[in-house]
C-alpha atoms as a PDB file:
ATOM      1  CA  MET A   1      47.747   6.402  12.711  1.00  0.00           C
ATOM      2  CA  ALA A   2      45.834   4.134  10.363  1.00  0.00           C
ATOM      3  CA  ARG A   3      44.828   5.529   6.959  1.00  0.00           C
ATOM      4  CA  ILE A   4      41.216   4.383   7.360  1.00  0.00           C
ATOM      5  CA  CYS A   5      38.091   6.563   7.227  1.00  0.00           C
ATOM      6  CA  PRO A   6      35.915   5.850  10.308  1.00  0.00           C
ATOM      7  CA  ILE A   7      32.679   6.734   8.431  1.00  0.00           C
ATOM      8  CA  SER A   8      33.028   5.082   5.015  1.00  0.00           C
ATOM      9  CA  GLY A   9      35.649   2.457   5.915  1.00  0.00           C
ATOM     10  CA  LYS A  10      37.836   3.447   2.952  1.00  0.00           C
ATOM     11  CA  ARG A  11      41.382   2.150   3.344  1.00  0.00           C
ATOM     12  CA  PRO A  12      44.511   1.757   1.184  1.00  0.00           C
ATOM     13  CA  VAL A  13      44.100  -0.724  -1.680  1.00  0.00           C
ATOM     14  CA  LYS A  14      46.760  -2.608  -3.619  1.00  0.00           C
ATOM     15  CA  GLY A  15      47.482  -2.103  -7.275  1.00  0.00           C
ATOM     16  CA  ASN A  16      50.219  -2.111  -9.884  1.00  0.00           C
ATOM     17  CA  HIS A  17      52.337   0.531 -11.532  1.00  0.00           C
ATOM     18  CA  ILE A  18      52.828  -0.571 -15.138  1.00  0.00           C
ATOM     19  CA  TRP A  19      55.731   0.713 -17.236  1.00  0.00           C
ATOM     20  CA  ARG A  20      55.230   0.648 -20.982  1.00  0.00           C
ATOM     21  CA  SER A  21      57.696   1.403 -23.768  1.00  0.00           C
ATOM     22  CA  GLY A  22      57.323   1.837 -27.486  1.00  0.00           C
ATOM     23  CA  LYS A  23      55.162   3.952 -29.747  1.00  0.00           C
ATOM     24  CA  ALA A  24      51.432   3.329 -30.180  1.00  0.00           C
ATOM     25  CA  LYS A  25      50.299   1.778 -33.477  1.00  0.00           C
ATOM     26  CA  LYS A  26      47.941   4.728 -33.976  1.00  0.00           C
ATOM     27  CA  LYS A  27      50.948   7.029 -33.946  1.00  0.00           C
ATOM     28  CA  GLY A  28      52.982   5.026 -36.448  1.00  0.00           C
ATOM     29  CA  GLY A  29      54.853   2.674 -34.129  1.00  0.00           C
ATOM     30  CA  ILE A  30      54.856  -1.084 -33.715  1.00  0.00           C
ATOM     31  CA  GLY A  31      52.829  -0.977 -30.497  1.00  0.00           C
ATOM     32  CA  THR A  32      53.591  -0.517 -26.816  1.00  0.00           C
ATOM     33  CA  HIS A  33      54.949  -3.311 -24.621  1.00  0.00           C
ATOM     34  CA  VAL A  34      54.921  -3.763 -20.858  1.00  0.00           C
ATOM     35  CA  THR A  35      58.508  -3.651 -19.582  1.00  0.00           C
ATOM     36  CA  ALA A  36      57.939  -3.786 -15.803  1.00  0.00           C
ATOM     37  CA  ILE A  37      55.181  -4.110 -13.227  1.00  0.00           C
ATOM     38  CA  THR A  38      55.727  -3.091  -9.601  1.00  0.00           C
ATOM     39  CA  LYS A  39      53.387  -3.079  -6.629  1.00  0.00           C
ATOM     40  CA  ARG A  40      51.910   0.185  -5.340  1.00  0.00           C
ATOM     41  CA  ARG A  41      49.162   1.387  -2.984  1.00  0.00           C
ATOM     42  CA  PHE A  42      46.257   3.734  -3.593  1.00  0.00           C
ATOM     43  CA  PHE A  43      45.495   5.847  -0.513  1.00  0.00           C
ATOM     44  CA  PRO A  44      42.091   7.361   0.346  1.00  0.00           C
ATOM     45  CA  ASN A  45      41.811  11.161   0.266  1.00  0.00           C
ATOM     46  CA  LEU A  46      41.629  11.746   4.041  1.00  0.00           C
ATOM     47  CA  GLN A  47      41.005  15.243   5.375  1.00  0.00           C
ATOM     48  CA  SER A  48      41.165  16.410   8.990  1.00  0.00           C
ATOM     49  CA  VAL A  49      37.844  18.054   9.961  1.00  0.00           C
ATOM     50  CA  LYS A  50      36.170  19.260  13.153  1.00  0.00           C
ATOM     51  CA  VAL A  51      32.951  17.259  13.423  1.00  0.00           C
ATOM     52  CA  VAL A  52      29.940  17.438  15.740  1.00  0.00           C
ATOM     53  CA  LEU A  53      29.369  13.898  17.029  1.00  0.00           C
ATOM     54  CA  PRO A  54      25.840  12.572  17.775  1.00  0.00           C
ATOM     55  CA  SER A  55      26.559  13.084  21.507  1.00  0.00           C
ATOM     56  CA  GLY A  56      27.067  16.838  20.825  1.00  0.00           C
ATOM     57  CA  GLU A  57      30.825  16.661  21.370  1.00  0.00           C
ATOM     58  CA  VAL A  58      33.098  18.461  18.899  1.00  0.00           C
ATOM     59  CA  LYS A  59      36.064  16.368  17.804  1.00  0.00           C
ATOM     60  CA  ARG A  60      38.695  16.511  15.055  1.00  0.00           C
ATOM     61  CA  ILE A  61      38.697  13.347  12.926  1.00  0.00           C
ATOM     62  CA  ARG A  62      40.189  12.299   9.595  1.00  0.00           C
ATOM     63  CA  VAL A  63      37.488  11.436   7.075  1.00  0.00           C
ATOM     64  CA  ALA A  64      37.463  10.769   3.324  1.00  0.00           C
ATOM     65  CA  ALA A  65      36.710  13.744   1.061  1.00  0.00           C
ATOM     66  CA  SER A  66      33.797  11.788  -0.456  1.00  0.00           C
ATOM     67  CA  VAL A  67      32.174  11.659   3.012  1.00  0.00           C
ATOM     68  CA  ILE A  68      32.413  15.450   3.345  1.00  0.00           C
ATOM     69  CA  LYS A  69      30.988  15.974  -0.173  1.00  0.00           C
ATOM     70  CA  ALA A  70      28.115  13.543   0.487  1.00  0.00           C
ATOM     71  CA  GLY A  71      27.186  15.432   3.667  1.00  0.00           C
ATOM     72  CA  LEU A  72      27.489  12.378   5.912  1.00  0.00           C
ATOM     73  CA  ILE A  73      29.064  14.477   8.680  1.00  0.00           C
ATOM     74  CA  THR A  74      28.105  17.794  10.268  1.00  0.00           C
ATOM     75  CA  LYS A  75      30.992  20.225  10.463  1.00  0.00           C
ATOM     76  CA  ALA A  76      31.454  22.159  13.698  1.00  0.00           C
ATOM     77  CA  ALA A  77      30.716  25.893  13.582  1.00  0.00           C
ATOM     78  CA  PRO A  78      33.803  28.125  13.738  1.00  0.00           C
ATOM     79  CA  ARG A  79      34.452  29.453  17.221  1.00  0.00           C
ATOM     80  CA  THR A  80      33.334  33.021  17.879  1.00  0.00           C
ATOM     81  CA  TRP A  81      34.707  33.712  21.354  1.00  0.00           C
ATOM     82  CA  LYS A  82      38.135  35.231  22.042  1.00  0.00           C
ATOM     83  CA  LYS A  83      40.707  33.871  24.476  1.00  0.00           C
ATOM     84  CA  ALA A  84      41.058  35.765  27.752  1.00  0.00           C
ATOM     85  CA  ALA A  85      44.273  37.770  27.909  1.00  0.00           C
END
């Protein structure tokens, strides 16, 4: 399953994890120095939600939290009926 939001198009982005050593000059040291840089990925905050699609169909999709906060989707109402025994 791809880590991509179908509404906003948010996807993982590349970045770096930077290791620093030493004490900051403000705190009485001689300054910090970069000792290593490694690659890393930043993932979008995907949440699984039941959504009412424009066709009226209720479906569970994974969307970014920012999409939910912005109100770009309509959440499905919780079900009220009980299963038959």
